[in-house]
């Protein structure tokens, strides 16, 4: 089953968690820094809206015993951008934008590559079962409402308003709308 990819997603192989991570699955679960975890039998996914928080989480995973990169290839951990795809080379993962319940409802997803070496794995067909975080609904999701804001744009066109549980709230001075940036637990 595919796992959801939104914003910057850290994808971790379940076999690596169970065999290499300090404390196994329970240790891994204790270290998840936000409410974006979803998983299937093969992969676990944690999402971030800020690259520095994703990088910090990768360091935590490596300290726990996982391997991020070796010889320019992802080993246990991959980084997938919702719009651009894998940010590091990863042979064990397939990634695509796929329809969810209807052709109009598209999500970015990834799944463990099960095809024989040198062949292309088939994409999941709708209606598909997708691993998503608890309470996730398409209509309120980043999949339905994606908007990328660069760090420079954030500095120039957005005014910080306040911290709320799990998010920082900014005012888009060009539109007058509030914009939410998810943050890991403080």
Protein backbone atom coordinates (compact mmCIF):
# COMPACT_ATOMS: atom_id res chain seq x y z
CA UNK A 1 0.00 0.00 0.00
CA UNK A 2 1.38 3.46 -0.78
CA UNK A 3 2.11 6.01 1.94
CA UNK A 4 1.14 9.65 1.60
CA UNK A 5 3.80 12.21 0.66
CA UNK A 6 3.06 15.82 1.61
CA UNK A 7 5.43 18.76 2.05
CA UNK A 8 8.84 17.26 2.88
CA UNK A 9 8.39 13.62 3.79
CA UNK A 10 10.96 11.48 5.53
CA UNK A 11 10.40 7.88 4.42
CA UNK A 12 11.96 5.09 6.50
CA UNK A 13 12.12 1.40 5.68
CA UNK A 14 10.22 -0.66 8.27
CA UNK A 15 12.73 -3.52 8.07
CA UNK A 16 15.50 -1.07 9.04
CA UNK A 17 13.46 0.29 11.95
CA UNK A 18 12.82 -3.20 13.29
CA UNK A 19 16.39 -4.47 12.81
CA UNK A 20 18.58 -1.42 13.41
CA UNK A 21 16.78 1.36 15.27
CA UNK A 22 17.45 1.67 19.00
CA UNK A 23 14.31 0.32 20.68
CA UNK A 24 12.85 -0.98 17.39
CA UNK A 25 9.38 0.16 16.42
CA UNK A 26 8.46 1.38 19.92
CA UNK A 27 11.67 3.42 20.15
CA UNK A 28 10.95 4.87 16.72
CA UNK A 29 7.38 5.77 17.69
CA UNK A 30 8.58 7.55 20.84
CA UNK A 31 10.84 9.78 18.73
CA UNK A 32 8.28 10.90 16.13
CA UNK A 33 8.24 14.69 16.58
CA UNK A 34 4.77 15.53 15.19
CA UNK A 35 1.37 14.10 14.24
CA UNK A 36 2.14 13.25 10.60
CA UNK A 37 3.23 9.62 10.99
CA UNK A 38 1.65 7.09 8.70
CA UNK A 39 2.88 3.66 7.72
CA UNK A 40 2.21 0.41 5.93
CA UNK A 41 3.99 -2.94 6.18
CA UNK A 42 7.06 -1.61 4.33
CA UNK A 43 7.44 2.12 5.01
CA UNK A 44 6.94 4.76 7.69
CA UNK A 45 6.44 8.42 6.76
CA UNK A 46 6.82 11.59 8.81
CA UNK A 47 6.15 15.00 7.22
CA UNK A 48 7.71 18.41 7.74
CA UNK A 49 6.99 21.86 6.34
CA UNK A 50 10.45 23.23 7.09
CA UNK A 51 13.62 21.66 5.69
CA UNK A 52 15.70 22.43 8.78
CA UNK A 53 13.27 20.41 10.92
CA UNK A 54 13.42 17.50 8.43
CA UNK A 55 17.24 17.60 8.55
CA UNK A 56 17.22 17.61 12.36
CA UNK A 57 14.91 14.59 12.38
CA UNK A 58 17.19 12.71 9.99
CA UNK A 59 20.08 13.34 12.41
CA UNK A 60 17.95 11.84 15.19
CA UNK A 61 17.23 8.75 13.07
CA UNK A 62 20.92 8.32 12.29
CA UNK A 63 21.81 8.67 15.98
CA UNK A 64 19.24 5.92 16.62
CA UNK A 65 21.11 3.51 14.34
CA UNK A 66 19.75 4.05 10.83
CA UNK A 67 21.85 4.85 7.77
CA UNK A 68 20.82 7.83 5.66
CA UNK A 69 23.23 7.78 2.70
CA UNK A 70 26.06 5.58 1.48
CA UNK A 71 27.87 6.12 -1.82
CA UNK A 72 25.29 8.77 -2.80
CA UNK A 73 22.31 6.41 -2.36
CA UNK A 74 19.58 6.41 0.28
CA UNK A 75 19.93 3.31 2.46
CA UNK A 76 17.29 3.29 5.24
CA UNK A 77 15.92 6.82 4.93
CA UNK A 78 14.67 8.76 1.90
CA UNK A 79 13.61 12.39 1.57
CA UNK A 80 10.67 13.04 -0.77
CA UNK A 81 9.36 16.48 -1.71
CA UNK A 82 5.66 16.56 -2.53
CA UNK A 83 6.27 18.56 -5.70
CA UNK A 84 9.81 17.62 -6.81
CA UNK A 85 9.97 13.98 -5.72
CA UNK A 86 13.01 12.26 -4.18
CA UNK A 87 15.66 14.73 -3.05
CA UNK A 88 18.32 12.01 -2.80
CA UNK A 89 18.84 9.00 -5.08
CA UNK A 90 16.80 6.03 -3.82
CA UNK A 91 16.55 2.70 -5.65
CA UNK A 92 14.16 0.98 -3.24
CA UNK A 93 11.27 3.41 -3.59
CA UNK A 94 8.67 4.20 -6.26
CA UNK A 95 7.06 7.63 -6.28
CA UNK A 96 4.17 9.13 -8.27
CA UNK A 97 1.26 11.52 -8.24
CA UNK A 98 -1.76 9.23 -8.32
CA UNK A 99 -5.56 9.62 -8.23
CA UNK A 100 -7.19 8.88 -4.89
CA UNK A 101 -10.97 8.38 -4.99
CA UNK A 102 -11.58 10.31 -8.21
CA UNK A 103 -9.30 11.48 -11.04
CA UNK A 104 -9.57 15.04 -9.67
CA UNK A 105 -8.34 14.01 -6.21
CA UNK A 106 -4.64 13.44 -6.70
CA UNK A 107 -2.05 12.77 -4.05
CA UNK A 108 1.65 12.24 -4.07
CA UNK A 109 2.53 8.80 -2.77
CA UNK A 110 5.42 6.38 -2.56
CA UNK A 111 5.76 2.66 -2.01
CA UNK A 112 8.50 0.08 -1.68
CA UNK A 113 9.82 -0.97 -5.09
CA UNK A 114 8.90 -4.64 -5.56
CA UNK A 115 9.57 -5.03 -9.28
CA UNK A 116 12.48 -7.13 -10.54
CA UNK A 117 15.72 -5.23 -11.13
CA UNK A 118 15.62 -3.23 -14.35
CA UNK A 119 11.82 -3.19 -14.65
CA UNK A 120 9.22 -0.59 -13.77
CA UNK A 121 6.82 -1.33 -10.92
CA UNK A 122 3.13 -0.75 -11.67
CA UNK A 123 1.43 2.24 -10.12
CA UNK A 124 -1.35 1.64 -7.59
CA UNK A 125 -4.74 1.72 -9.28
CA UNK A 126 -7.71 3.68 -7.89
CA UNK A 127 -9.53 3.24 -5.72
CA UNK A 128 -6.40 2.65 -3.69
CA UNK A 129 -5.79 2.26 -0.03
CA UNK A 130 -3.38 4.96 1.10
CA UNK A 131 -1.61 5.13 4.45
CA UNK A 132 -2.31 8.57 5.89
CA UNK A 133 -1.87 10.22 9.30
CA UNK A 134 -4.71 9.82 11.79
CA UNK A 135 -7.56 12.20 10.95
CA UNK A 136 -6.20 13.11 7.50
CA UNK A 137 -8.89 14.21 5.04
CA UNK A 138 -8.20 15.11 1.43
CA UNK A 139 -10.29 18.29 1.42
CA UNK A 140 -8.21 19.92 4.18
CA UNK A 141 -4.87 18.43 3.13
CA UNK A 142 -1.75 19.80 1.51
CA UNK A 143 -2.54 17.50 -1.40
CA UNK A 144 -5.67 19.53 -2.13
CA UNK A 145 -4.25 22.90 -1.08
CA UNK A 146 -0.51 22.84 -1.72
CA UNK A 147 1.34 26.14 -1.71
CA UNK A 148 5.11 26.43 -1.65
CA UNK A 149 6.66 29.46 -0.02
CA UNK A 150 10.43 29.92 -0.17
CA UNK A 151 12.35 31.16 2.85
CA UNK A 152 13.07 34.44 1.01
CA UNK A 153 9.37 34.89 0.19
CA UNK A 154 8.46 34.15 3.82
CA UNK A 155 10.83 36.90 4.97
CA UNK A 156 9.60 39.44 2.40
CA UNK A 157 5.85 38.85 2.06
CA UNK A 158 4.74 37.32 5.34
CA UNK A 159 4.43 38.74 8.83
CA UNK A 160 4.71 36.38 11.79
CA UNK A 161 1.56 36.56 13.94
CA UNK A 162 1.71 33.84 16.59
CA UNK A 163 2.55 30.31 17.64
CA UNK A 164 -0.29 27.80 17.96
CA UNK A 165 0.03 24.15 18.94
CA UNK A 166 2.02 22.52 16.11
CA UNK A 167 1.99 25.55 13.79
CA UNK A 168 3.34 29.04 13.30
CA UNK A 169 0.81 31.49 11.89
CA UNK A 170 1.83 34.18 9.40
CA UNK A 171 -0.08 36.92 7.58
CA UNK A 172 0.38 36.97 3.79
CA UNK A 173 0.65 40.74 3.35
CA UNK A 174 -0.17 40.47 -0.37
CA UNK A 175 -3.52 38.70 0.16
CA UNK A 176 -4.40 39.42 3.79
CA UNK A 177 -4.84 35.69 4.47
CA UNK A 178 -3.38 33.74 7.36
CA UNK A 179 -0.90 31.03 6.38
CA UNK A 180 0.02 28.12 8.61
CA UNK A 181 3.44 26.50 8.78
CA UNK A 182 3.48 23.18 10.59
CA UNK A 183 6.24 22.78 13.18
CA UNK A 184 7.48 19.87 15.18
CA UNK A 185 6.54 19.75 18.83
CA UNK A 186 8.55 22.23 20.87
